[in-house]
Amino acid sequence: MRQVWIVDDDQEMSNAMSMMLKLLDFQATCFINARNAVQSLQTSKRPDMMVLDINMPEFSGLDLLEFLRREPKWENMPIVMLSSEAADATVDKAMNLGADSYVMKPTTLEELEKAIDLAFKKHQKG
């Protein structure tokens, strides 16, 4: 089963995302902040994909995205951004920093599945 890490300070949203991912045959691990996720990346097996909330205290999902894209061992990891913010500038910034797709909160199972498929397709070899 493919492993997805969700980084979102909203526990209810993380739980909802986790349940949706389970329906899509993924195993989810949730982190309440970027710092915990980065620490786990140093010591755990790399996830198959990450879902990052944009608006979080201390380090935003955009900060984490930028960090991941600078690191050779994580630069090719599929990343879906998640946010309640629909501003074009925010979406553009996420995509310019290397996000593979973007999902609005709240999301549907179908929207999440499309975003995940797009993210994985961008990183397929060959």
Protein backbone atom coordinates (compact mmCIF):
# COMPACT_ATOMS: atom_id res chain seq x y z
CA MET A 1 0.00 0.00 0.00
CA ARG A 2 1.37 3.41 -0.96
CA GLN A 3 2.23 5.77 1.89
CA VAL A 4 1.05 9.40 1.97
CA TRP A 5 2.05 11.94 4.57
CA ILE A 6 -0.45 14.68 5.39
CA VAL A 7 0.96 17.84 6.95
CA ASP A 8 -1.90 19.97 8.29
CA ASP A 9 -2.37 21.73 11.62
CA ASP A 10 -6.14 21.09 11.44
CA GLN A 11 -6.62 17.66 13.06
CA GLU A 12 -10.18 17.26 11.75
CA MET A 13 -9.05 17.96 8.19
CA SER A 14 -6.15 15.52 8.58
CA ASN A 15 -8.54 12.83 9.78
CA ALA A 16 -10.93 13.48 6.89
CA MET A 17 -8.07 13.39 4.37
CA SER A 18 -6.77 10.20 5.94
CA MET A 19 -10.15 8.51 5.53
CA MET A 20 -10.43 9.63 1.90
CA LEU A 21 -6.93 8.39 1.17
CA LYS A 22 -7.79 5.02 2.71
CA LEU A 23 -10.71 4.77 0.28
CA LEU A 24 -8.20 5.38 -2.51
CA ASP A 25 -5.94 2.56 -1.22
CA PHE A 26 -3.33 4.72 0.47
CA GLN A 27 -2.03 4.54 4.00
CA ALA A 28 -1.82 8.00 5.56
CA THR A 29 0.40 9.35 8.30
CA CYS A 30 -0.55 12.74 9.71
CA PHE A 31 1.72 15.49 11.02
CA ILE A 32 0.45 18.65 12.72
CA ASN A 33 3.36 20.78 11.54
CA ALA A 34 6.17 20.96 9.01
CA ARG A 35 8.89 20.56 11.64
CA ASN A 36 7.60 17.11 12.69
CA ALA A 37 7.33 16.01 9.06
CA VAL A 38 10.92 17.09 8.28
CA GLN A 39 12.21 15.30 11.38
CA SER A 40 10.43 12.12 10.29
CA LEU A 41 11.82 12.44 6.76
CA GLN A 42 15.29 12.23 8.30
CA THR A 43 14.58 8.97 10.11
CA SER A 44 11.72 7.20 8.31
CA LYS A 45 11.18 5.56 4.97
CA ARG A 46 10.32 8.18 2.37
CA PRO A 47 6.57 8.45 1.71
CA ASP A 48 5.26 7.93 -1.82
CA MET A 49 3.58 11.35 -1.74
CA MET A 50 2.90 14.31 0.55
CA VAL A 51 -0.21 16.47 0.99
CA LEU A 52 0.69 19.87 2.45
CA ASP A 53 -1.64 22.45 3.94
CA ILE A 54 -0.56 25.93 2.93
CA ASN A 55 -1.60 27.92 5.99
CA MET A 56 0.11 26.61 9.11
CA PRO A 57 1.82 28.40 12.00
CA GLU A 58 5.62 28.58 12.22
CA PHE A 59 6.38 27.01 8.80
CA SER A 60 3.78 27.10 6.04
CA GLY A 61 3.19 24.37 3.52
CA LEU A 62 4.86 26.66 0.97
CA ASP A 63 7.97 26.80 3.20
CA LEU A 64 8.00 23.00 3.41
CA LEU A 65 7.43 22.66 -0.33
CA GLU A 66 10.34 24.98 -1.07
CA PHE A 67 12.59 23.02 1.33
CA LEU A 68 11.64 19.67 -0.22
CA ARG A 69 12.25 20.86 -3.77
CA ARG A 70 15.75 22.06 -2.83
CA GLU A 71 16.76 18.67 -1.41
CA PRO A 72 17.88 16.16 -4.08
CA LYS A 73 16.54 13.13 -2.19
CA TRP A 74 13.01 14.62 -2.00
CA GLU A 75 12.87 16.92 -5.03
CA ASN A 76 10.98 14.35 -7.12
CA MET A 77 8.41 13.39 -4.49
CA PRO A 78 4.82 14.00 -5.68
CA ILE A 79 3.29 16.86 -3.65
CA VAL A 80 -0.33 17.98 -3.50
CA MET A 81 -1.04 21.33 -1.88
CA LEU A 82 -4.19 21.72 0.21
CA SER A 83 -5.71 25.05 1.16
CA SER A 84 -8.87 26.99 1.86
CA GLU A 85 -7.24 29.88 0.03
CA ALA A 86 -8.36 30.20 -3.59
CA ALA A 87 -6.35 33.31 -4.49
CA ASP A 88 -4.69 32.89 -7.87
CA ALA A 89 -1.44 34.33 -6.49
CA THR A 90 -1.28 31.60 -3.82
CA VAL A 91 -2.01 28.83 -6.32
CA ASP A 92 0.56 30.28 -8.73
CA LYS A 93 3.18 30.52 -6.00
CA ALA A 94 2.62 26.89 -4.97
CA MET A 95 2.88 25.69 -8.55
CA ASN A 96 5.97 27.83 -9.21
CA LEU A 97 7.65 26.38 -6.12
CA GLY A 98 7.11 22.87 -7.49
CA ALA A 99 3.70 21.66 -6.31
CA ASP A 100 2.28 19.00 -8.59
CA SER A 101 -1.37 19.79 -7.94
CA TYR A 102 -3.60 21.89 -5.72
CA VAL A 103 -6.82 20.98 -3.88
CA MET A 104 -9.24 23.36 -2.20
CA LYS A 105 -10.61 22.70 1.30
CA PRO A 106 -13.07 21.16 1.70
CA THR A 107 -12.42 18.69 -1.06
CA THR A 108 -14.33 15.74 -2.47
CA LEU A 109 -13.00 12.26 -2.96
CA GLU A 110 -13.10 12.78 -6.74
CA GLU A 111 -11.15 16.06 -6.57
CA LEU A 112 -8.54 14.48 -4.31
CA GLU A 113 -8.19 11.46 -6.59
CA LYS A 114 -7.65 13.71 -9.64
CA ALA A 115 -5.02 15.76 -7.79
CA ILE A 116 -3.20 12.61 -6.67
CA ASP A 117 -3.29 11.09 -10.16
CA LEU A 118 -1.89 14.30 -11.63
CA ALA A 119 0.88 14.45 -9.02
CA PHE A 120 1.97 10.86 -9.67
CA LYS A 121 1.82 11.27 -13.47
CA LYS A 122 4.22 14.22 -13.26
CA HIS A 123 6.80 11.95 -11.61
CA GLN A 124 6.44 8.76 -13.66
CA LYS A 125 9.66 7.50 -15.12
CA GLY A 126 9.94 7.00 -18.88
